[in-house]
């Protein structure tokens, strides 16, 4: 699939953010997609093709330090701070709304994207009409300890751009992919050849991720302008990132304490973290379209 627009947006600080835009005539809504850690926008083109065919305009951007959103200041693996990442997403939303005014917007985030999507709610929940979370990252009760340890480790390992084994040890990304990514063996083989994903997060990127996790359980940070926002979680039963049934319940409770009561979840058996890359991914595509149609048709 070839996007109608494949260009760069100029952010507030002068960074060039790579995006791809897939308009649909007489669209039902706009779906803005947020990739996961180390991912790039082309990995979502298959899902976007399905959404387009079902009447949805789509827009997706590469997170700073990912894909084609890189520079000298933001090389591969350096994402910047949480505030910059959230401003980027808001910029993409506004840009898409300007291209097709008066359309409702669904925000869809996978993994790190699910973290960013929930942090996006702090100031921008009134810009969207539906939130879809894939590979939903669970809140972590001892996250503040991780943040303190990370701050100390950064002092001795090159600061934001350095690489600390202590800090990276908090991340599941260092585990073998077959233990948490997917059961789909052919996909895991293909994934090894994706050159745009052959990098590691630096200290700053891990620290920003920890901050994003911390914010999940801090209700005072959220303005809650759209408390009736429907929020859906789609995850694999064997995905360790969600924290299992208990983790999903913690996610629901954290959102409820903030003020969002409309949380729904779908858990797929025999799937791990990247559910849209599993052999039965068509089931996930179908369910995503079904939820979108329930709200926008």
C-alpha atoms as a PDB file:
ATOM      1  CA  UNK A   1       0.000   0.000   0.000  1.00  0.00           C
ATOM      2  CA  UNK A   2       1.247   3.482  -0.913  1.00  0.00           C
ATOM      3  CA  UNK A   3       0.187   6.453   1.237  1.00  0.00           C
ATOM      4  CA  UNK A   4      -1.197   9.565  -0.445  1.00  0.00           C
ATOM      5  CA  UNK A   5       1.139  11.667   1.691  1.00  0.00           C
ATOM      6  CA  UNK A   6       4.480  10.418   3.000  1.00  0.00           C
ATOM      7  CA  UNK A   7       6.269  13.448   4.361  1.00  0.00           C
ATOM      8  CA  UNK A   8       7.508  15.258   7.466  1.00  0.00           C
ATOM      9  CA  UNK A   9       5.762  17.529   9.955  1.00  0.00           C
ATOM     10  CA  UNK A  10       7.744  20.335  11.571  1.00  0.00           C
ATOM     11  CA  UNK A  11       7.406  20.117  15.342  1.00  0.00           C
ATOM     12  CA  UNK A  12       7.508  22.996  17.805  1.00  0.00           C
ATOM     13  CA  UNK A  13      11.238  22.477  18.425  1.00  0.00           C
ATOM     14  CA  UNK A  14      12.076  22.223  14.715  1.00  0.00           C
ATOM     15  CA  UNK A  15      12.309  18.420  14.531  1.00  0.00           C
ATOM     16  CA  UNK A  16      11.085  16.725  11.352  1.00  0.00           C
ATOM     17  CA  UNK A  17       8.551  14.027  12.254  1.00  0.00           C
ATOM     18  CA  UNK A  18       7.993  11.388   9.574  1.00  0.00           C
ATOM     19  CA  UNK A  19       4.373  10.458   8.880  1.00  0.00           C
ATOM     20  CA  UNK A  20       2.210   8.636   6.340  1.00  0.00           C
ATOM     21  CA  UNK A  21      -1.394   9.564   5.534  1.00  0.00           C
ATOM     22  CA  UNK A  22      -3.975   7.252   3.965  1.00  0.00           C
ATOM     23  CA  UNK A  23      -7.195   9.165   3.249  1.00  0.00           C
ATOM     24  CA  UNK A  24     -10.509   7.532   2.458  1.00  0.00           C
ATOM     25  CA  UNK A  25     -13.238   9.360   0.583  1.00  0.00           C
ATOM     26  CA  UNK A  26     -16.413   9.667   2.666  1.00  0.00           C
ATOM     27  CA  UNK A  27     -14.508   8.222   5.606  1.00  0.00           C
ATOM     28  CA  UNK A  28     -16.320   7.124   8.752  1.00  0.00           C
ATOM     29  CA  UNK A  29     -13.516   8.388  10.993  1.00  0.00           C
ATOM     30  CA  UNK A  30      -9.783   9.001  11.245  1.00  0.00           C
ATOM     31  CA  UNK A  31      -7.617   6.355  12.908  1.00  0.00           C
ATOM     32  CA  UNK A  32      -4.284   7.634  14.235  1.00  0.00           C
ATOM     33  CA  UNK A  33      -1.808   4.832  14.913  1.00  0.00           C
ATOM     34  CA  UNK A  34       1.151   4.848  17.325  1.00  0.00           C
ATOM     35  CA  UNK A  35       3.797   2.123  16.851  1.00  0.00           C
ATOM     36  CA  UNK A  36       5.624   0.310  19.632  1.00  0.00           C
ATOM     37  CA  UNK A  37       9.257   0.476  20.740  1.00  0.00           C
ATOM     38  CA  UNK A  38      11.826   0.164  17.889  1.00  0.00           C
ATOM     39  CA  UNK A  39       8.974  -0.091  15.373  1.00  0.00           C
ATOM     40  CA  UNK A  40       8.378   2.025  12.280  1.00  0.00           C
ATOM     41  CA  UNK A  41       5.232   2.989  10.421  1.00  0.00           C
ATOM     42  CA  UNK A  42       5.484   0.498   7.532  1.00  0.00           C
ATOM     43  CA  UNK A  43       4.924  -2.358   9.995  1.00  0.00           C
ATOM     44  CA  UNK A  44       1.310  -1.178  10.295  1.00  0.00           C
ATOM     45  CA  UNK A  45       0.513  -0.857   6.610  1.00  0.00           C
ATOM     46  CA  UNK A  46      -1.245  -4.247   6.553  1.00  0.00           C
ATOM     47  CA  UNK A  47      -3.614  -3.167   9.330  1.00  0.00           C
ATOM     48  CA  UNK A  48      -4.012   0.230   7.682  1.00  0.00           C
ATOM     49  CA  UNK A  49      -4.968  -1.487   4.421  1.00  0.00           C
ATOM     50  CA  UNK A  50      -7.762  -3.333   6.252  1.00  0.00           C
ATOM     51  CA  UNK A  51      -8.958  -0.144   7.941  1.00  0.00           C
ATOM     52  CA  UNK A  52      -8.887   1.756   4.640  1.00  0.00           C
ATOM     53  CA  UNK A  53     -10.922  -0.957   2.931  1.00  0.00           C
ATOM     54  CA  UNK A  54     -13.510  -0.646   5.685  1.00  0.00           C
ATOM     55  CA  UNK A  55     -13.895   3.104   5.299  1.00  0.00           C
ATOM     56  CA  UNK A  56     -11.335   4.652   7.639  1.00  0.00           C
ATOM     57  CA  UNK A  57      -8.759   7.323   6.937  1.00  0.00           C
ATOM     58  CA  UNK A  58      -5.474   6.478   8.661  1.00  0.00           C
ATOM     59  CA  UNK A  59      -2.428   8.448   9.726  1.00  0.00           C
ATOM     60  CA  UNK A  60       0.703   7.122  11.403  1.00  0.00           C
ATOM     61  CA  UNK A  61       3.978   8.709  12.465  1.00  0.00           C
ATOM     62  CA  UNK A  62       7.388   7.362  13.396  1.00  0.00           C
ATOM     63  CA  UNK A  63       8.213   8.101  17.023  1.00  0.00           C
ATOM     64  CA  UNK A  64      11.344  10.219  17.545  1.00  0.00           C
ATOM     65  CA  UNK A  65      14.437   8.054  17.287  1.00  0.00           C
ATOM     66  CA  UNK A  66      12.541   5.489  15.201  1.00  0.00           C
ATOM     67  CA  UNK A  67      12.040   4.744  11.511  1.00  0.00           C
ATOM     68  CA  UNK A  68      12.551   7.937   9.521  1.00  0.00           C
ATOM     69  CA  UNK A  69      12.071  10.289  12.490  1.00  0.00           C
ATOM     70  CA  UNK A  70      15.783  10.538  13.247  1.00  0.00           C
ATOM     71  CA  UNK A  71      18.377  13.318  13.362  1.00  0.00           C
ATOM     72  CA  UNK A  72      21.733  14.116  14.944  1.00  0.00           C
ATOM     73  CA  UNK A  73      19.956  15.078  18.160  1.00  0.00           C
ATOM     74  CA  UNK A  74      17.522  12.150  17.973  1.00  0.00           C
ATOM     75  CA  UNK A  75      19.477   9.187  16.573  1.00  0.00           C
ATOM     76  CA  UNK A  76      18.029   5.680  16.579  1.00  0.00           C
ATOM     77  CA  UNK A  77      17.060   4.741  20.128  1.00  0.00           C
ATOM     78  CA  UNK A  78      16.891   8.279  21.549  1.00  0.00           C
ATOM     79  CA  UNK A  79      13.250   9.323  21.836  1.00  0.00           C
ATOM     80  CA  UNK A  80      13.487  12.582  23.752  1.00  0.00           C
ATOM     81  CA  UNK A  81      11.351  13.343  26.779  1.00  0.00           C
ATOM     82  CA  UNK A  82       7.732  12.435  27.416  1.00  0.00           C
ATOM     83  CA  UNK A  83       6.519  15.985  26.788  1.00  0.00           C
ATOM     84  CA  UNK A  84       8.066  16.081  23.317  1.00  0.00           C
ATOM     85  CA  UNK A  85       6.559  12.720  22.390  1.00  0.00           C
ATOM     86  CA  UNK A  86       3.073  13.787  23.453  1.00  0.00           C
ATOM     87  CA  UNK A  87       3.338  17.121  21.629  1.00  0.00           C
ATOM     88  CA  UNK A  88       4.276  15.182  18.485  1.00  0.00           C
ATOM     89  CA  UNK A  89       1.152  13.038  18.731  1.00  0.00           C
ATOM     90  CA  UNK A  90      -1.068  16.060  19.301  1.00  0.00           C
ATOM     91  CA  UNK A  91       0.487  17.704  16.237  1.00  0.00           C
ATOM     92  CA  UNK A  92      -0.362  14.648  14.121  1.00  0.00           C
ATOM     93  CA  UNK A  93      -3.952  14.649  15.405  1.00  0.00           C
ATOM     94  CA  UNK A  94      -4.410  18.325  14.570  1.00  0.00           C
ATOM     95  CA  UNK A  95      -2.863  17.836  11.137  1.00  0.00           C
ATOM     96  CA  UNK A  96      -5.203  14.947  10.298  1.00  0.00           C
ATOM     97  CA  UNK A  97      -8.243  16.852  11.550  1.00  0.00           C
ATOM     98  CA  UNK A  98      -7.274  19.793   9.366  1.00  0.00           C
ATOM     99  CA  UNK A  99      -7.060  17.549   6.292  1.00  0.00           C
ATOM    100  CA  UNK A 100     -10.500  16.036   6.930  1.00  0.00           C
ATOM    101  CA  UNK A 101     -12.433  18.352   9.254  1.00  0.00           C
ATOM    102  CA  UNK A 102     -15.439  17.216  11.275  1.00  0.00           C
ATOM    103  CA  UNK A 103     -14.460  13.537  11.322  1.00  0.00           C
ATOM    104  CA  UNK A 104     -14.258  11.720  14.666  1.00  0.00           C
ATOM    105  CA  UNK A 105     -10.858  10.347  15.662  1.00  0.00           C
ATOM    106  CA  UNK A 106      -9.798   6.996  17.091  1.00  0.00           C
ATOM    107  CA  UNK A 107      -6.337   6.705  18.621  1.00  0.00           C
ATOM    108  CA  UNK A 108      -4.701   3.265  18.380  1.00  0.00           C
ATOM    109  CA  UNK A 109      -1.445   2.496  20.174  1.00  0.00           C
ATOM    110  CA  UNK A 110       0.567  -0.713  20.476  1.00  0.00           C
ATOM    111  CA  UNK A 111       2.890  -1.467  23.422  1.00  0.00           C
ATOM    112  CA  UNK A 112       4.956   1.721  23.892  1.00  0.00           C
ATOM    113  CA  UNK A 113       2.231   3.249  21.730  1.00  0.00           C
ATOM    114  CA  UNK A 114      -0.352   2.134  24.306  1.00  0.00           C
ATOM    115  CA  UNK A 115       1.653   3.988  26.960  1.00  0.00           C
ATOM    116  CA  UNK A 116       1.847   7.109  24.833  1.00  0.00           C
ATOM    117  CA  UNK A 117      -1.867   6.880  24.016  1.00  0.00           C
ATOM    118  CA  UNK A 118      -2.878   6.844  27.686  1.00  0.00           C
ATOM    119  CA  UNK A 119      -0.458   9.664  28.499  1.00  0.00           C
ATOM    120  CA  UNK A 120      -1.961  11.552  25.540  1.00  0.00           C
ATOM    121  CA  UNK A 121      -5.225  11.601  27.498  1.00  0.00           C
ATOM    122  CA  UNK A 122      -3.721  13.892  30.148  1.00  0.00           C
ATOM    123  CA  UNK A 123      -4.358  17.024  28.074  1.00  0.00           C
ATOM    124  CA  UNK A 124      -5.900  15.840  24.809  1.00  0.00           C
ATOM    125  CA  UNK A 125      -8.715  13.393  25.538  1.00  0.00           C
ATOM    126  CA  UNK A 126     -11.194  15.853  24.032  1.00  0.00           C
ATOM    127  CA  UNK A 127      -9.456  15.514  20.644  1.00  0.00           C
ATOM    128  CA  UNK A 128     -10.404  11.851  20.264  1.00  0.00           C
ATOM    129  CA  UNK A 129     -13.602   9.818  20.362  1.00  0.00           C
ATOM    130  CA  UNK A 130     -12.246   6.307  20.903  1.00  0.00           C
ATOM    131  CA  UNK A 131      -9.052   4.778  22.310  1.00  0.00           C
ATOM    132  CA  UNK A 132      -7.753   1.371  21.205  1.00  0.00           C
ATOM    133  CA  UNK A 133      -4.851  -0.253  23.056  1.00  0.00           C
ATOM    134  CA  UNK A 134      -2.868  -3.230  21.721  1.00  0.00           C
ATOM    135  CA  UNK A 135      -0.299  -5.074  23.826  1.00  0.00           C
ATOM    136  CA  UNK A 136      -1.496  -2.944  26.722  1.00  0.00           C
ATOM    137  CA  UNK A 137       1.348  -2.114  29.101  1.00  0.00           C
ATOM    138  CA  UNK A 138       0.297  -2.561  32.726  1.00  0.00           C
ATOM    139  CA  UNK A 139       0.927  -0.043  35.532  1.00  0.00           C
ATOM    140  CA  UNK A 140       3.885  -0.943  37.781  1.00  0.00           C
ATOM    141  CA  UNK A 141       3.500  -0.330  41.523  1.00  0.00           C
ATOM    142  CA  UNK A 142       7.259   0.031  42.196  1.00  0.00           C
ATOM    143  CA  UNK A 143       7.953   2.251  39.191  1.00  0.00           C
ATOM    144  CA  UNK A 144       9.327   5.082  41.353  1.00  0.00           C
ATOM    145  CA  UNK A 145      12.116   2.804  42.563  1.00  0.00           C
ATOM    146  CA  UNK A 146      13.027   2.099  38.947  1.00  0.00           C
ATOM    147  CA  UNK A 147      13.107   5.817  38.190  1.00  0.00           C
ATOM    148  CA  UNK A 148      15.425   6.534  41.132  1.00  0.00           C
ATOM    149  CA  UNK A 149      17.777   3.703  40.155  1.00  0.00           C
ATOM    150  CA  UNK A 150      17.776   4.929  36.554  1.00  0.00           C
ATOM    151  CA  UNK A 151      18.705   8.469  37.580  1.00  0.00           C
ATOM    152  CA  UNK A 152      21.651   7.171  39.572  1.00  0.00           C
ATOM    153  CA  UNK A 153      22.794   4.795  36.833  1.00  0.00           C
ATOM    154  CA  UNK A 154      22.716   7.565  34.231  1.00  0.00           C
ATOM    155  CA  UNK A 155      25.255   9.556  36.250  1.00  0.00           C
ATOM    156  CA  UNK A 156      27.869   6.869  35.632  1.00  0.00           C
ATOM    157  CA  UNK A 157      26.977   5.625  32.138  1.00  0.00           C
ATOM    158  CA  UNK A 158      27.000   8.614  29.810  1.00  0.00           C
ATOM    159  CA  UNK A 159      23.765  10.382  30.711  1.00  0.00           C
ATOM    160  CA  UNK A 160      20.797  10.347  28.346  1.00  0.00           C
ATOM    161  CA  UNK A 161      22.740   9.057  25.360  1.00  0.00           C
ATOM    162  CA  UNK A 162      24.628   6.381  27.279  1.00  0.00           C
ATOM    163  CA  UNK A 163      23.734   2.726  27.743  1.00  0.00           C
ATOM    164  CA  UNK A 164      23.368   1.209  31.196  1.00  0.00           C
ATOM    165  CA  UNK A 165      22.811  -2.506  31.682  1.00  0.00           C
ATOM    166  CA  UNK A 166      21.046  -1.689  34.929  1.00  0.00           C
ATOM    167  CA  UNK A 167      18.495   0.526  33.189  1.00  0.00           C
ATOM    168  CA  UNK A 168      18.015  -1.757  30.183  1.00  0.00           C
ATOM    169  CA  UNK A 169      17.521  -4.625  32.619  1.00  0.00           C
ATOM    170  CA  UNK A 170      14.075  -3.207  33.434  1.00  0.00           C
ATOM    171  CA  UNK A 171      12.981  -3.845  29.846  1.00  0.00           C
ATOM    172  CA  UNK A 172      11.603  -7.084  28.345  1.00  0.00           C
ATOM    173  CA  UNK A 173      13.116  -6.057  25.000  1.00  0.00           C
ATOM    174  CA  UNK A 174      16.330  -7.824  25.989  1.00  0.00           C
ATOM    175  CA  UNK A 175      14.591 -11.203  26.291  1.00  0.00           C
ATOM    176  CA  UNK A 176      14.536 -13.670  23.358  1.00  0.00           C
ATOM    177  CA  UNK A 177      11.671 -12.702  20.984  1.00  0.00           C
ATOM    178  CA  UNK A 178      10.216 -16.212  21.057  1.00  0.00           C
ATOM    179  CA  UNK A 179       9.613 -15.768  24.796  1.00  0.00           C
ATOM    180  CA  UNK A 180       7.303 -12.763  24.496  1.00  0.00           C
ATOM    181  CA  UNK A 181       6.895 -11.298  20.995  1.00  0.00           C
ATOM    182  CA  UNK A 182       4.854 -13.901  19.081  1.00  0.00           C
ATOM    183  CA  UNK A 183       4.251 -17.602  18.473  1.00  0.00           C
ATOM    184  CA  UNK A 184       4.399 -17.036  14.714  1.00  0.00           C
ATOM    185  CA  UNK A 185       7.790 -18.586  13.833  1.00  0.00           C
ATOM    186  CA  UNK A 186       7.873 -17.272  10.270  1.00  0.00           C
ATOM    187  CA  UNK A 187       7.212 -13.760  11.516  1.00  0.00           C
ATOM    188  CA  UNK A 188      10.037 -14.036  14.050  1.00  0.00           C
ATOM    189  CA  UNK A 189      12.416 -15.056  11.250  1.00  0.00           C
ATOM    190  CA  UNK A 190      11.272 -12.153   9.065  1.00  0.00           C
ATOM    191  CA  UNK A 191      11.549  -9.755  11.999  1.00  0.00           C
ATOM    192  CA  UNK A 192      15.269 -10.484  12.290  1.00  0.00           C
ATOM    193  CA  UNK A 193      15.855  -8.937   8.861  1.00  0.00           C
ATOM    194  CA  UNK A 194      14.096  -5.618   9.574  1.00  0.00           C
ATOM    195  CA  UNK A 195      17.091  -3.291   9.500  1.00  0.00           C
ATOM    196  CA  UNK A 196      15.147  -0.284  10.825  1.00  0.00           C
ATOM    197  CA  UNK A 197      14.657  -2.145  14.106  1.00  0.00           C
ATOM    198  CA  UNK A 198      18.303  -3.043  14.698  1.00  0.00           C
ATOM    199  CA  UNK A 199      19.016  -0.614  17.525  1.00  0.00           C
ATOM    200  CA  UNK A 200      18.735  -0.388  21.291  1.00  0.00           C
ATOM    201  CA  UNK A 201      17.154   2.261  23.475  1.00  0.00           C
ATOM    202  CA  UNK A 202      19.593   4.566  25.235  1.00  0.00           C
ATOM    203  CA  UNK A 203      19.329   5.619  28.880  1.00  0.00           C
ATOM    204  CA  UNK A 204      17.131   8.594  28.043  1.00  0.00           C
ATOM    205  CA  UNK A 205      14.644   6.490  26.106  1.00  0.00           C
ATOM    206  CA  UNK A 206      14.302   3.985  28.922  1.00  0.00           C
ATOM    207  CA  UNK A 207      13.929   6.803  31.437  1.00  0.00           C
ATOM    208  CA  UNK A 208      11.186   8.445  29.363  1.00  0.00           C
ATOM    209  CA  UNK A 209       9.412   5.083  29.168  1.00  0.00           C
ATOM    210  CA  UNK A 210       9.547   4.726  32.954  1.00  0.00           C
ATOM    211  CA  UNK A 211       8.046   8.207  33.284  1.00  0.00           C
ATOM    212  CA  UNK A 212       5.224   7.246  30.934  1.00  0.00           C
ATOM    213  CA  UNK A 213       4.494   4.159  33.049  1.00  0.00           C
ATOM    214  CA  UNK A 214       4.541   6.246  36.240  1.00  0.00           C
ATOM    215  CA  UNK A 215       1.985   8.661  34.800  1.00  0.00           C
ATOM    216  CA  UNK A 216      -0.551   5.844  34.333  1.00  0.00           C
ATOM    217  CA  UNK A 217      -1.272   5.846  38.054  1.00  0.00           C
ATOM    218  CA  UNK A 218      -1.165   9.588  38.769  1.00  0.00           C
ATOM    219  CA  UNK A 219      -4.755  10.845  38.346  1.00  0.00           C
ATOM    220  CA  UNK A 220      -3.895  14.472  39.160  1.00  0.00           C
ATOM    221  CA  UNK A 221      -1.983  14.738  35.886  1.00  0.00           C
ATOM    222  CA  UNK A 222      -5.185  14.172  33.878  1.00  0.00           C
ATOM    223  CA  UNK A 223      -7.633  16.940  33.027  1.00  0.00           C
ATOM    224  CA  UNK A 224     -10.371  14.410  32.115  1.00  0.00           C
ATOM    225  CA  UNK A 225     -12.295  16.591  29.675  1.00  0.00           C
ATOM    226  CA  UNK A 226     -13.843  13.497  28.050  1.00  0.00           C
ATOM    227  CA  UNK A 227     -14.673  11.053  30.888  1.00  0.00           C
ATOM    228  CA  UNK A 228     -17.094   9.024  28.749  1.00  0.00           C
ATOM    229  CA  UNK A 229     -14.310   8.110  26.293  1.00  0.00           C
ATOM    230  CA  UNK A 230     -14.596   4.407  25.335  1.00  0.00           C
ATOM    231  CA  UNK A 231     -11.298   2.556  25.848  1.00  0.00           C
ATOM    232  CA  UNK A 232     -10.676  -0.920  24.413  1.00  0.00           C
ATOM    233  CA  UNK A 233      -7.744  -3.222  25.132  1.00  0.00           C
ATOM    234  CA  UNK A 234      -6.757  -6.049  22.774  1.00  0.00           C
ATOM    235  CA  UNK A 235      -4.035  -8.403  23.986  1.00  0.00           C
ATOM    236  CA  UNK A 236      -2.666 -11.923  23.789  1.00  0.00           C
ATOM    237  CA  UNK A 237      -3.308 -14.275  26.690  1.00  0.00           C
ATOM    238  CA  UNK A 238       0.398 -15.106  26.832  1.00  0.00           C
ATOM    239  CA  UNK A 239       1.636 -11.524  26.626  1.00  0.00           C
ATOM    240  CA  UNK A 240       3.808 -10.813  29.700  1.00  0.00           C
ATOM    241  CA  UNK A 241       3.708  -7.054  29.066  1.00  0.00           C
ATOM    242  CA  UNK A 242       0.035  -6.791  30.028  1.00  0.00           C
ATOM    243  CA  UNK A 243       0.631  -8.445  33.395  1.00  0.00           C
ATOM    244  CA  UNK A 244      -1.989 -11.065  32.598  1.00  0.00           C
ATOM    245  CA  UNK A 245      -5.500 -10.921  34.022  1.00  0.00           C
ATOM    246  CA  UNK A 246      -4.274  -9.093  37.125  1.00  0.00           C
ATOM    247  CA  UNK A 247      -2.375  -6.555  35.038  1.00  0.00           C
ATOM    248  CA  UNK A 248      -5.393  -5.827  32.860  1.00  0.00           C
ATOM    249  CA  UNK A 249      -7.503  -5.388  35.988  1.00  0.00           C
ATOM    250  CA  UNK A 250      -4.880  -2.944  37.291  1.00  0.00           C
ATOM    251  CA  UNK A 251      -5.081  -1.073  33.984  1.00  0.00           C
ATOM    252  CA  UNK A 252      -8.861  -0.879  34.308  1.00  0.00           C
ATOM    253  CA  UNK A 253      -8.638   0.324  37.920  1.00  0.00           C
ATOM    254  CA  UNK A 254      -5.995   2.939  37.095  1.00  0.00           C
ATOM    255  CA  UNK A 255      -8.167   4.362  34.322  1.00  0.00           C
ATOM    256  CA  UNK A 256     -11.219   4.302  36.584  1.00  0.00           C
ATOM    257  CA  UNK A 257      -9.395   6.249  39.312  1.00  0.00           C
ATOM    258  CA  UNK A 258      -8.462   8.858  36.729  1.00  0.00           C
ATOM    259  CA  UNK A 259     -12.118   9.141  35.673  1.00  0.00           C
ATOM    260  CA  UNK A 260     -12.473   6.841  32.657  1.00  0.00           C
ATOM    261  CA  UNK A 261     -15.101   4.188  33.428  1.00  0.00           C
ATOM    262  CA  UNK A 262     -15.749   2.775  29.953  1.00  0.00           C
ATOM    263  CA  UNK A 263     -12.988   0.163  29.686  1.00  0.00           C
ATOM    264  CA  UNK A 264     -13.408  -3.040  27.704  1.00  0.00           C
ATOM    265  CA  UNK A 265     -10.969  -5.836  26.984  1.00  0.00           C
ATOM    266  CA  UNK A 266     -10.509  -8.721  24.560  1.00  0.00           C
ATOM    267  CA  UNK A 267      -7.885 -11.378  25.265  1.00  0.00           C
ATOM    268  CA  UNK A 268      -6.817 -13.780  22.523  1.00  0.00           C
ATOM    269  CA  UNK A 269      -5.693 -17.326  23.408  1.00  0.00           C
ATOM    270  CA  UNK A 270      -2.471 -18.647  21.873  1.00  0.00           C
ATOM    271  CA  UNK A 271      -1.119 -15.164  21.188  1.00  0.00           C
ATOM    272  CA  UNK A 272       1.721 -13.193  22.731  1.00  0.00           C
ATOM    273  CA  UNK A 273       2.602  -9.483  22.549  1.00  0.00           C
ATOM    274  CA  UNK A 274       2.380  -8.607  18.857  1.00  0.00           C
ATOM    275  CA  UNK A 275      -1.133  -9.836  18.171  1.00  0.00           C
ATOM    276  CA  UNK A 276      -1.322  -8.224  14.719  1.00  0.00           C
ATOM    277  CA  UNK A 277       1.658 -10.357  13.659  1.00  0.00           C
ATOM    278  CA  UNK A 278       0.356 -13.719  14.860  1.00  0.00           C
ATOM    279  CA  UNK A 279      -0.977 -16.333  12.417  1.00  0.00           C
ATOM    280  CA  UNK A 280      -4.556 -15.568  13.491  1.00  0.00           C
ATOM    281  CA  UNK A 281      -4.105 -11.810  13.112  1.00  0.00           C
ATOM    282  CA  UNK A 282      -7.209 -11.644  10.903  1.00  0.00           C
ATOM    283  CA  UNK A 283      -9.298 -12.172  14.056  1.00  0.00           C
ATOM    284  CA  UNK A 284      -7.718  -9.093  15.612  1.00  0.00           C
ATOM    285  CA  UNK A 285      -8.212  -7.010  12.467  1.00  0.00           C
ATOM    286  CA  UNK A 286     -11.855  -8.091  12.382  1.00  0.00           C
ATOM    287  CA  UNK A 287     -12.435  -7.142  16.022  1.00  0.00           C
ATOM    288  CA  UNK A 288     -10.782  -3.743  15.606  1.00  0.00           C
ATOM    289  CA  UNK A 289     -13.013  -2.960  12.627  1.00  0.00           C
ATOM    290  CA  UNK A 290     -16.054  -4.194  14.550  1.00  0.00           C
ATOM    291  CA  UNK A 291     -15.361  -1.838  17.460  1.00  0.00           C
ATOM    292  CA  UNK A 292     -14.743   1.082  15.105  1.00  0.00           C
ATOM    293  CA  UNK A 293     -17.984   0.394  13.258  1.00  0.00           C
ATOM    294  CA  UNK A 294     -19.921   0.156  16.520  1.00  0.00           C
ATOM    295  CA  UNK A 295     -18.882   3.717  17.331  1.00  0.00           C
ATOM    296  CA  UNK A 296     -18.666   5.419  13.946  1.00  0.00           C
ATOM    297  CA  UNK A 297     -21.349   3.891  11.712  1.00  0.00           C
END
